[in-house]
Amino acid sequence: MADAFRANGKLVAATRVTFARDGGDVIKTRTAESPADVKPVPDYGELRAEIGLSDGDMLITKHGWSAFYGTELDLELRRRKVTGIVLAGISTSIGVESTARAANERGYELTIVTDAITDTDEGAHLNSLRAIFPQIAELATTEEVLTALRASITPTSPKTCSPSSNREMT
C-alpha cells in the first residue's frame, strides 16, 4: 500500500516507539508498568525491513500511544497541506485508535484500512472497528484504497498521508 501511495505522489509516514535509555521520556500513569519493569528488546525502536521506508517518507518517533501526542506529526502534515490520513498499523485498540481519535480532533479526513490493522486482543480490536471507528472515520479495505488510488481518487481527500508502522500506530 505504501508503494502505491508513493507512486501517486502521496506522503507516507511511519511511526516507531522508542524511549531514552533512562526512561525519562516514558509517560507515567498510575496504571502503567514501571519503566524499570519494561525491558524492550535491543531493536525495539527500529523499523522492520518489510516497512521499506523511502527517502521521501516521514518517520515520526512517539513516546506513547498516539502518533500525534508529543510529536511533530500534526505540524509536519499541516506544513505539507495534508488534509487526509489513511491509517494502518498496530495495535488497533491502542496506537491506531489513539491516533485516529487525535486525527479526528484535529480535523483530518480519516480512512482506516480495516484489513491492515491488528491487535493482540480480539475483543478490543472488534470494539474499535464496530463502535469507535465508524464514528470518526471512513472504513476501507486495502483493495478499496488501492482501487481508489488507481482511479486517482483518494478515499479521503486530494492530499492524503498513509501512515504505516511496526509499532502501535500509526
Foldseek 3Di string as FASTA:
>chain_A
DVVLCVVLVAEEEEEFEDADPVRPLADDDPPDDDPVPDDDDPCRRPFDCVVPDDPRYHYWYDRFQESPPPICVVVVCVVVPAQAEEEAEDDQLTAALNNLVVSQVVRHAYEYALVRHHHPDPVSNVCCVPPPDVVRYHYHHPVVQSVCSVVVHGPTDNHYYYYYYHDNYD
